């Protein structure tokens, strides 16, 4: 009878390098900052209109920051790790 060789279990390998995870975390922080910039501008009295909801920060800056964060996350996912990172 032929004996089967026991295969050594392969060590768990993460799908990304450490650099990719760092970039992902930075991207998530940027997206959260964009959503935080959108907060506020409401009125305490529902019968009174508050024009602060249409400020530059909420209408223009916050969505651009959030969009940049999402683009940064896509970059972090697509980035190939450098050869130096793989050798460690």
C-alpha atoms as a PDB file:
ATOM      1  CA  UNK A   1       0.000   0.000   0.000  1.00  0.00           C
ATOM      2  CA  UNK A   2       1.120   3.488  -0.796  1.00  0.00           C
ATOM      3  CA  UNK A   3       1.313   5.814   2.140  1.00  0.00           C
ATOM      4  CA  UNK A   4      -0.086   9.257   1.730  1.00  0.00           C
ATOM      5  CA  UNK A   5       2.212  12.062   2.641  1.00  0.00           C
ATOM      6  CA  UNK A   6       0.788  14.434   5.160  1.00  0.00           C
ATOM      7  CA  UNK A   7       0.623  17.875   3.684  1.00  0.00           C
ATOM      8  CA  UNK A   8       1.665  20.696   5.920  1.00  0.00           C
ATOM      9  CA  UNK A   9      -1.087  23.252   6.363  1.00  0.00           C
ATOM     10  CA  UNK A  10      -0.317  26.455   4.555  1.00  0.00           C
ATOM     11  CA  UNK A  11       0.170  29.457   6.802  1.00  0.00           C
ATOM     12  CA  UNK A  12      -2.669  31.958   6.704  1.00  0.00           C
ATOM     13  CA  UNK A  13      -1.890  34.714   4.245  1.00  0.00           C
ATOM     14  CA  UNK A  14      -3.683  38.043   4.340  1.00  0.00           C
ATOM     15  CA  UNK A  15      -5.136  39.230   1.033  1.00  0.00           C
ATOM     16  CA  UNK A  16      -3.391  42.612   1.304  1.00  0.00           C
ATOM     17  CA  UNK A  17      -0.045  43.828   2.532  1.00  0.00           C
ATOM     18  CA  UNK A  18       0.286  45.949   5.656  1.00  0.00           C
ATOM     19  CA  UNK A  19       0.578  49.076   3.511  1.00  0.00           C
ATOM     20  CA  UNK A  20      -2.823  48.380   1.908  1.00  0.00           C
ATOM     21  CA  UNK A  21      -4.497  48.075   5.300  1.00  0.00           C
ATOM     22  CA  UNK A  22      -2.976  51.361   6.438  1.00  0.00           C
ATOM     23  CA  UNK A  23      -4.248  53.088   3.313  1.00  0.00           C
ATOM     24  CA  UNK A  24      -7.706  51.543   3.814  1.00  0.00           C
ATOM     25  CA  UNK A  25      -7.886  52.871   7.366  1.00  0.00           C
ATOM     26  CA  UNK A  26      -6.834  56.334   6.196  1.00  0.00           C
ATOM     27  CA  UNK A  27      -9.520  56.218   3.492  1.00  0.00           C
ATOM     28  CA  UNK A  28     -12.216  55.246   5.991  1.00  0.00           C
ATOM     29  CA  UNK A  29     -11.141  58.106   8.266  1.00  0.00           C
ATOM     30  CA  UNK A  30     -11.424  60.539   5.320  1.00  0.00           C
ATOM     31  CA  UNK A  31     -14.936  59.267   4.488  1.00  0.00           C
ATOM     32  CA  UNK A  32     -16.028  59.599   8.119  1.00  0.00           C
ATOM     33  CA  UNK A  33     -14.612  63.142   8.190  1.00  0.00           C
ATOM     34  CA  UNK A  34     -16.691  63.970   5.107  1.00  0.00           C
ATOM     35  CA  UNK A  35     -19.857  62.729   6.771  1.00  0.00           C
ATOM     36  CA  UNK A  36     -19.042  64.610   9.971  1.00  0.00           C
ATOM     37  CA  UNK A  37     -18.710  67.792   7.916  1.00  0.00           C
ATOM     38  CA  UNK A  38     -22.303  67.259   6.720  1.00  0.00           C
ATOM     39  CA  UNK A  39     -23.718  67.259  10.259  1.00  0.00           C
ATOM     40  CA  UNK A  40     -25.733  70.184  11.570  1.00  0.00           C
ATOM     41  CA  UNK A  41     -27.663  73.090  10.193  1.00  0.00           C
ATOM     42  CA  UNK A  42     -31.018  71.964  11.453  1.00  0.00           C
ATOM     43  CA  UNK A  43     -33.566  74.176  13.107  1.00  0.00           C
ATOM     44  CA  UNK A  44     -34.870  73.710  16.640  1.00  0.00           C
ATOM     45  CA  UNK A  45     -38.296  74.937  15.571  1.00  0.00           C
ATOM     46  CA  UNK A  46     -39.796  73.076  12.580  1.00  0.00           C
ATOM     47  CA  UNK A  47     -41.775  76.189  11.586  1.00  0.00           C
ATOM     48  CA  UNK A  48     -38.620  78.294  11.146  1.00  0.00           C
ATOM     49  CA  UNK A  49     -36.399  77.874   8.093  1.00  0.00           C
ATOM     50  CA  UNK A  50     -32.661  77.844   8.789  1.00  0.00           C
ATOM     51  CA  UNK A  51     -30.566  78.731   5.706  1.00  0.00           C
ATOM     52  CA  UNK A  52     -27.459  77.267   7.387  1.00  0.00           C
ATOM     53  CA  UNK A  53     -28.267  73.904   5.789  1.00  0.00           C
ATOM     54  CA  UNK A  54     -27.119  75.358   2.479  1.00  0.00           C
ATOM     55  CA  UNK A  55     -23.652  76.400   3.641  1.00  0.00           C
ATOM     56  CA  UNK A  56     -20.566  75.786   1.488  1.00  0.00           C
ATOM     57  CA  UNK A  57     -19.291  73.248   3.998  1.00  0.00           C
ATOM     58  CA  UNK A  58     -22.392  71.024   3.823  1.00  0.00           C
ATOM     59  CA  UNK A  59     -23.247  71.369   0.142  1.00  0.00           C
ATOM     60  CA  UNK A  60     -19.802  71.377  -1.512  1.00  0.00           C
ATOM     61  CA  UNK A  61     -16.892  70.575   0.789  1.00  0.00           C
ATOM     62  CA  UNK A  62     -18.317  67.581   2.675  1.00  0.00           C
ATOM     63  CA  UNK A  63     -19.402  65.592  -0.406  1.00  0.00           C
ATOM     64  CA  UNK A  64     -16.052  66.254  -2.087  1.00  0.00           C
ATOM     65  CA  UNK A  65     -14.168  65.051   1.002  1.00  0.00           C
ATOM     66  CA  UNK A  66     -16.319  61.910   1.206  1.00  0.00           C
ATOM     67  CA  UNK A  67     -15.890  61.249  -2.538  1.00  0.00           C
ATOM     68  CA  UNK A  68     -12.125  61.670  -2.215  1.00  0.00           C
ATOM     69  CA  UNK A  69     -12.195  59.161   0.655  1.00  0.00           C
ATOM     70  CA  UNK A  70     -14.019  56.588  -1.457  1.00  0.00           C
ATOM     71  CA  UNK A  71     -11.568  57.098  -4.338  1.00  0.00           C
ATOM     72  CA  UNK A  72      -8.691  56.727  -1.855  1.00  0.00           C
ATOM     73  CA  UNK A  73     -10.191  53.431  -0.617  1.00  0.00           C
ATOM     74  CA  UNK A  74     -10.413  52.123  -4.194  1.00  0.00           C
ATOM     75  CA  UNK A  75      -6.768  53.078  -4.685  1.00  0.00           C
ATOM     76  CA  UNK A  76      -5.817  51.275  -1.461  1.00  0.00           C
ATOM     77  CA  UNK A  77      -7.554  48.114  -2.643  1.00  0.00           C
ATOM     78  CA  UNK A  78      -6.030  48.200  -6.130  1.00  0.00           C
ATOM     79  CA  UNK A  79      -2.466  49.111  -5.090  1.00  0.00           C
ATOM     80  CA  UNK A  80       0.037  46.360  -5.634  1.00  0.00           C
ATOM     81  CA  UNK A  81       2.436  45.896  -2.714  1.00  0.00           C
ATOM     82  CA  UNK A  82       6.046  46.757  -3.410  1.00  0.00           C
ATOM     83  CA  UNK A  83       8.675  44.009  -3.564  1.00  0.00           C
ATOM     84  CA  UNK A  84      10.269  45.283  -0.358  1.00  0.00           C
ATOM     85  CA  UNK A  85       7.006  44.753   1.501  1.00  0.00           C
ATOM     86  CA  UNK A  86       6.625  41.212   0.210  1.00  0.00           C
ATOM     87  CA  UNK A  87      10.109  40.166   1.352  1.00  0.00           C
ATOM     88  CA  UNK A  88       9.435  40.928   5.015  1.00  0.00           C
END
